[in-house]
Amino acid sequence: MEAFGDAFQLSYVTEKESTLGPIVNIIQSSLRAVGIPATLNPIPQTQYGDRQLVKGDLPFAVNDQEKPIGVDAGYAVQLFFVTKDKGGLNNMVNYSSPIVDDLWAKARVEPDVAKRTEMLGQIQDKLAADIAWLPVVEYKTQWAYSDKLKGMRWYPDNSIRYFDLSVQ
């Protein structure tokens, strides 16, 4: 474990300390309790983004920003888990599995919905077995607004479309 100490630096965005701090402290304490020498590595958001999305050199990180906007499991797999040279779009955890790549390539062109769903289920089972990405918490989306505000709608990316809003 000593030789791989850097691999146990849990990186997270410094500017999100108020929300991520309690989570990373629980993770660190839990890992240390079983003998894994985890340390916390808060880094600025720009550095985090560069290391995660461009360099791909964050071995251990908490990310509270990622989710596919399209509500299709196949798209989510392509976005986050398909190897980049096999068509992956944003594989920021450097995950690579010939099984996932092959199943995704087949599911992508499968016209039979039941067969496609079965293949995507196999992919999810493989991802869970490999622990490619471990969800630890999900935030409940909350918005405060007035009854006078019209045009407020939920969009999958959790963004407000200010153009749609009006006060009445």
C-alpha atoms as a PDB file:
ATOM      1  CA  MET A   1       0.000   0.000   0.000  1.00  0.00           C
ATOM      2  CA  GLU A   2       2.851   2.376   0.775  1.00  0.00           C
ATOM      3  CA  ALA A   3       4.170   2.150  -2.798  1.00  0.00           C
ATOM      4  CA  PHE A   4       0.823   3.311  -4.166  1.00  0.00           C
ATOM      5  CA  GLY A   5       0.105   6.126  -1.719  1.00  0.00           C
ATOM      6  CA  ASP A   6      -0.581   8.662  -4.475  1.00  0.00           C
ATOM      7  CA  ALA A   7      -3.347   6.426  -5.822  1.00  0.00           C
ATOM      8  CA  PHE A   8      -5.209   6.933  -2.551  1.00  0.00           C
ATOM      9  CA  GLN A   9      -5.317  10.730  -2.745  1.00  0.00           C
ATOM     10  CA  LEU A  10      -9.044  11.430  -2.938  1.00  0.00           C
ATOM     11  CA  SER A  11      -9.377  14.475  -5.197  1.00  0.00           C
ATOM     12  CA  TYR A  12     -12.378  16.777  -5.205  1.00  0.00           C
ATOM     13  CA  VAL A  13     -13.214  20.347  -6.176  1.00  0.00           C
ATOM     14  CA  THR A  14     -12.064  22.803  -3.504  1.00  0.00           C
ATOM     15  CA  GLU A  15     -14.831  25.283  -4.314  1.00  0.00           C
ATOM     16  CA  LYS A  16     -17.401  22.619  -3.368  1.00  0.00           C
ATOM     17  CA  GLU A  17     -16.014  22.000   0.115  1.00  0.00           C
ATOM     18  CA  SER A  18     -19.346  22.818   1.772  1.00  0.00           C
ATOM     19  CA  THR A  19     -21.136  19.956  -0.009  1.00  0.00           C
ATOM     20  CA  LEU A  20     -18.319  17.527  -0.823  1.00  0.00           C
ATOM     21  CA  GLY A  21     -16.320  17.956   2.396  1.00  0.00           C
ATOM     22  CA  PRO A  22     -18.613  15.819   4.577  1.00  0.00           C
ATOM     23  CA  ILE A  23     -18.790  13.124   1.887  1.00  0.00           C
ATOM     24  CA  VAL A  24     -15.030  12.851   1.307  1.00  0.00           C
ATOM     25  CA  ASN A  25     -14.379  12.835   5.071  1.00  0.00           C
ATOM     26  CA  ILE A  26     -16.717   9.860   5.497  1.00  0.00           C
ATOM     27  CA  ILE A  27     -15.020   8.061   2.590  1.00  0.00           C
ATOM     28  CA  GLN A  28     -11.548   8.789   3.996  1.00  0.00           C
ATOM     29  CA  SER A  29     -12.489   7.651   7.518  1.00  0.00           C
ATOM     30  CA  SER A  30     -14.124   4.474   6.227  1.00  0.00           C
ATOM     31  CA  LEU A  31     -11.121   3.559   4.078  1.00  0.00           C
ATOM     32  CA  ARG A  32      -8.657   4.248   6.878  1.00  0.00           C
ATOM     33  CA  ALA A  33     -10.731   2.056   9.189  1.00  0.00           C
ATOM     34  CA  VAL A  34      -9.978  -0.917   6.916  1.00  0.00           C
ATOM     35  CA  GLY A  35      -6.293  -0.054   6.472  1.00  0.00           C
ATOM     36  CA  ILE A  36      -6.341   1.985   3.250  1.00  0.00           C
ATOM     37  CA  PRO A  37      -4.245   5.149   3.745  1.00  0.00           C
ATOM     38  CA  ALA A  38      -6.569   7.578   1.960  1.00  0.00           C
ATOM     39  CA  THR A  39      -5.697  11.272   2.052  1.00  0.00           C
ATOM     40  CA  LEU A  40      -7.805  14.201   0.893  1.00  0.00           C
ATOM     41  CA  ASN A  41      -6.652  16.203  -2.115  1.00  0.00           C
ATOM     42  CA  PRO A  42      -8.858  19.277  -2.651  1.00  0.00           C
ATOM     43  CA  ILE A  43      -7.908  20.997  -5.915  1.00  0.00           C
ATOM     44  CA  PRO A  44      -9.273  24.037  -7.794  1.00  0.00           C
ATOM     45  CA  GLN A  45     -12.116  23.336 -10.218  1.00  0.00           C
ATOM     46  CA  THR A  46     -10.055  24.330 -13.268  1.00  0.00           C
ATOM     47  CA  GLN A  47      -7.290  21.922 -12.286  1.00  0.00           C
ATOM     48  CA  TYR A  48      -9.831  19.191 -11.525  1.00  0.00           C
ATOM     49  CA  GLY A  49     -11.464  19.606 -14.933  1.00  0.00           C
ATOM     50  CA  ASP A  50      -8.114  19.597 -16.730  1.00  0.00           C
ATOM     51  CA  ARG A  51      -6.886  16.507 -14.932  1.00  0.00           C
ATOM     52  CA  GLN A  52     -10.147  14.608 -15.267  1.00  0.00           C
ATOM     53  CA  LEU A  53     -11.311  15.542 -18.750  1.00  0.00           C
ATOM     54  CA  VAL A  54      -8.067  16.349 -20.594  1.00  0.00           C
ATOM     55  CA  LYS A  55      -5.210  14.489 -18.923  1.00  0.00           C
ATOM     56  CA  GLY A  56      -7.281  11.647 -17.450  1.00  0.00           C
ATOM     57  CA  ASP A  57      -4.864  11.301 -14.535  1.00  0.00           C
ATOM     58  CA  LEU A  58      -7.130  11.378 -11.477  1.00  0.00           C
ATOM     59  CA  PRO A  59      -6.971   7.835 -10.093  1.00  0.00           C
ATOM     60  CA  PHE A  60      -9.347   8.488  -7.191  1.00  0.00           C
ATOM     61  CA  ALA A  61     -11.868  11.321  -7.184  1.00  0.00           C
ATOM     62  CA  VAL A  62     -15.336  12.402  -6.131  1.00  0.00           C
ATOM     63  CA  ASN A  63     -17.337  14.028  -8.897  1.00  0.00           C
ATOM     64  CA  ASP A  64     -20.761  15.518  -8.257  1.00  0.00           C
ATOM     65  CA  GLN A  65     -21.318  16.932 -11.723  1.00  0.00           C
ATOM     66  CA  GLU A  66     -21.644  14.071 -14.180  1.00  0.00           C
ATOM     67  CA  LYS A  67     -24.805  12.576 -15.553  1.00  0.00           C
ATOM     68  CA  PRO A  68     -25.976  11.922 -19.071  1.00  0.00           C
ATOM     69  CA  ILE A  69     -28.531  14.440 -20.248  1.00  0.00           C
ATOM     70  CA  GLY A  70     -30.021  12.003 -22.749  1.00  0.00           C
ATOM     71  CA  VAL A  71     -32.168   9.501 -20.905  1.00  0.00           C
ATOM     72  CA  ASP A  72     -30.872   6.455 -22.801  1.00  0.00           C
ATOM     73  CA  ALA A  73     -28.710   3.854 -21.062  1.00  0.00           C
ATOM     74  CA  GLY A  74     -26.791   3.193 -24.293  1.00  0.00           C
ATOM     75  CA  TYR A  75     -25.859   6.848 -24.565  1.00  0.00           C
ATOM     76  CA  ALA A  76     -24.771   6.921 -20.911  1.00  0.00           C
ATOM     77  CA  VAL A  77     -22.537   3.895 -21.511  1.00  0.00           C
ATOM     78  CA  GLN A  78     -20.992   5.527 -24.601  1.00  0.00           C
ATOM     79  CA  LEU A  79     -20.548   8.788 -22.749  1.00  0.00           C
ATOM     80  CA  PHE A  80     -18.776   7.444 -19.675  1.00  0.00           C
ATOM     81  CA  PHE A  81     -17.548   3.853 -20.126  1.00  0.00           C
ATOM     82  CA  VAL A  82     -16.806   2.922 -23.747  1.00  0.00           C
ATOM     83  CA  THR A  83     -13.078   3.005 -24.511  1.00  0.00           C
ATOM     84  CA  LYS A  84     -12.216   6.215 -26.364  1.00  0.00           C
ATOM     85  CA  ASP A  85     -10.790   4.454 -29.425  1.00  0.00           C
ATOM     86  CA  LYS A  86     -13.977   2.367 -29.646  1.00  0.00           C
ATOM     87  CA  GLY A  87     -16.289   5.396 -29.739  1.00  0.00           C
ATOM     88  CA  GLY A  88     -16.347   6.531 -26.114  1.00  0.00           C
ATOM     89  CA  LEU A  89     -17.048  10.218 -25.682  1.00  0.00           C
ATOM     90  CA  ASN A  90     -16.048  11.230 -22.160  1.00  0.00           C
ATOM     91  CA  ASN A  91     -14.416   8.245 -20.467  1.00  0.00           C
ATOM     92  CA  MET A  92     -12.840  10.295 -17.698  1.00  0.00           C
ATOM     93  CA  VAL A  93     -12.135   7.310 -15.445  1.00  0.00           C
ATOM     94  CA  ASN A  94     -10.025   5.562 -18.115  1.00  0.00           C
ATOM     95  CA  TYR A  95     -12.225   2.487 -17.868  1.00  0.00           C
ATOM     96  CA  SER A  96     -11.572  -0.135 -20.522  1.00  0.00           C
ATOM     97  CA  SER A  97     -13.373  -3.407 -21.063  1.00  0.00           C
ATOM     98  CA  PRO A  98     -13.509  -5.360 -24.328  1.00  0.00           C
ATOM     99  CA  ILE A  99     -16.768  -6.896 -23.073  1.00  0.00           C
ATOM    100  CA  VAL A 100     -18.415  -3.493 -22.552  1.00  0.00           C
ATOM    101  CA  ASP A 101     -17.037  -2.143 -25.837  1.00  0.00           C
ATOM    102  CA  ASP A 102     -18.299  -5.164 -27.789  1.00  0.00           C
ATOM    103  CA  LEU A 103     -21.745  -5.240 -26.168  1.00  0.00           C
ATOM    104  CA  TRP A 104     -22.168  -1.493 -26.663  1.00  0.00           C
ATOM    105  CA  ALA A 105     -21.189  -1.735 -30.361  1.00  0.00           C
ATOM    106  CA  LYS A 106     -23.822  -4.452 -30.839  1.00  0.00           C
ATOM    107  CA  ALA A 107     -26.503  -2.694 -28.760  1.00  0.00           C
ATOM    108  CA  ARG A 108     -25.940   0.553 -30.650  1.00  0.00           C
ATOM    109  CA  VAL A 109     -27.231  -0.968 -33.889  1.00  0.00           C
ATOM    110  CA  GLU A 110     -29.672  -3.546 -32.493  1.00  0.00           C
ATOM    111  CA  PRO A 111     -33.195  -2.826 -33.823  1.00  0.00           C
ATOM    112  CA  ASP A 112     -34.933  -5.254 -31.438  1.00  0.00           C
ATOM    113  CA  VAL A 113     -35.658  -3.272 -28.254  1.00  0.00           C
ATOM    114  CA  ALA A 114     -35.785  -6.360 -26.019  1.00  0.00           C
ATOM    115  CA  LYS A 115     -32.403  -7.632 -27.274  1.00  0.00           C
ATOM    116  CA  ARG A 116     -30.878  -4.161 -26.928  1.00  0.00           C
ATOM    117  CA  THR A 117     -32.211  -3.835 -23.382  1.00  0.00           C
ATOM    118  CA  GLU A 118     -30.723  -7.238 -22.509  1.00  0.00           C
ATOM    119  CA  MET A 119     -27.308  -6.182 -23.847  1.00  0.00           C
ATOM    120  CA  LEU A 120     -27.423  -2.905 -21.926  1.00  0.00           C
ATOM    121  CA  GLY A 121     -28.343  -4.874 -18.800  1.00  0.00           C
ATOM    122  CA  GLN A 122     -25.273  -7.067 -19.301  1.00  0.00           C
ATOM    123  CA  ILE A 123     -23.161  -3.923 -19.611  1.00  0.00           C
ATOM    124  CA  GLN A 124     -24.574  -2.568 -16.353  1.00  0.00           C
ATOM    125  CA  ASP A 125     -23.831  -5.881 -14.622  1.00  0.00           C
ATOM    126  CA  LYS A 126     -20.225  -5.750 -15.883  1.00  0.00           C
ATOM    127  CA  LEU A 127     -19.800  -2.130 -14.770  1.00  0.00           C
ATOM    128  CA  ALA A 128     -21.156  -3.002 -11.325  1.00  0.00           C
ATOM    129  CA  ALA A 129     -18.844  -6.025 -11.049  1.00  0.00           C
ATOM    130  CA  ASP A 130     -15.825  -3.954 -12.077  1.00  0.00           C
ATOM    131  CA  ILE A 131     -16.848  -1.016  -9.857  1.00  0.00           C
ATOM    132  CA  ALA A 132     -16.002   1.330 -12.710  1.00  0.00           C
ATOM    133  CA  TRP A 133     -17.856   4.168 -11.050  1.00  0.00           C
ATOM    134  CA  LEU A 134     -19.375   4.044  -7.602  1.00  0.00           C
ATOM    135  CA  PRO A 135     -22.385   6.247  -6.854  1.00  0.00           C
ATOM    136  CA  VAL A 136     -22.204   7.322  -3.217  1.00  0.00           C
ATOM    137  CA  VAL A 137     -24.815  10.047  -2.960  1.00  0.00           C
ATOM    138  CA  GLU A 138     -27.497  11.681  -5.047  1.00  0.00           C
ATOM    139  CA  TYR A 139     -28.654  15.200  -4.413  1.00  0.00           C
ATOM    140  CA  LYS A 140     -32.305  16.073  -4.439  1.00  0.00           C
ATOM    141  CA  THR A 141     -32.850  18.936  -6.858  1.00  0.00           C
ATOM    142  CA  GLN A 142     -34.482  21.865  -5.083  1.00  0.00           C
ATOM    143  CA  TRP A 143     -35.612  25.190  -6.449  1.00  0.00           C
ATOM    144  CA  ALA A 144     -37.151  28.106  -4.598  1.00  0.00           C
ATOM    145  CA  TYR A 145     -39.537  30.229  -6.620  1.00  0.00           C
ATOM    146  CA  SER A 146     -42.584  32.445  -6.399  1.00  0.00           C
ATOM    147  CA  ASP A 147     -46.073  31.628  -7.673  1.00  0.00           C
ATOM    148  CA  LYS A 148     -45.707  34.813  -9.703  1.00  0.00           C
ATOM    149  CA  LEU A 149     -42.902  33.220 -11.708  1.00  0.00           C
ATOM    150  CA  LYS A 150     -44.172  31.437 -14.828  1.00  0.00           C
ATOM    151  CA  GLY A 151     -42.326  29.193 -17.262  1.00  0.00           C
ATOM    152  CA  MET A 152     -40.346  27.225 -14.673  1.00  0.00           C
ATOM    153  CA  ARG A 153     -39.794  23.689 -15.967  1.00  0.00           C
ATOM    154  CA  TRP A 154     -37.460  20.853 -15.115  1.00  0.00           C
ATOM    155  CA  TYR A 155     -34.919  19.906 -17.790  1.00  0.00           C
ATOM    156  CA  PRO A 156     -32.660  16.828 -17.563  1.00  0.00           C
ATOM    157  CA  ASP A 157     -29.534  18.979 -17.248  1.00  0.00           C
ATOM    158  CA  ASN A 158     -30.998  20.794 -14.199  1.00  0.00           C
ATOM    159  CA  SER A 159     -30.490  24.135 -15.921  1.00  0.00           C
ATOM    160  CA  ILE A 160     -33.034  26.915 -15.861  1.00  0.00           C
ATOM    161  CA  ARG A 161     -34.007  28.338 -19.232  1.00  0.00           C
ATOM    162  CA  TYR A 162     -34.246  31.998 -18.275  1.00  0.00           C
ATOM    163  CA  PHE A 163     -35.718  32.848 -21.664  1.00  0.00           C
ATOM    164  CA  ASP A 164     -38.844  30.860 -20.688  1.00  0.00           C
ATOM    165  CA  LEU A 165     -39.393  32.774 -17.431  1.00  0.00           C
ATOM    166  CA  SER A 166     -41.758  35.640 -16.841  1.00  0.00           C
ATOM    167  CA  VAL A 167     -43.246  37.368 -13.789  1.00  0.00           C
ATOM    168  CA  GLN A 168     -47.005  37.817 -13.667  1.00  0.00           C
END
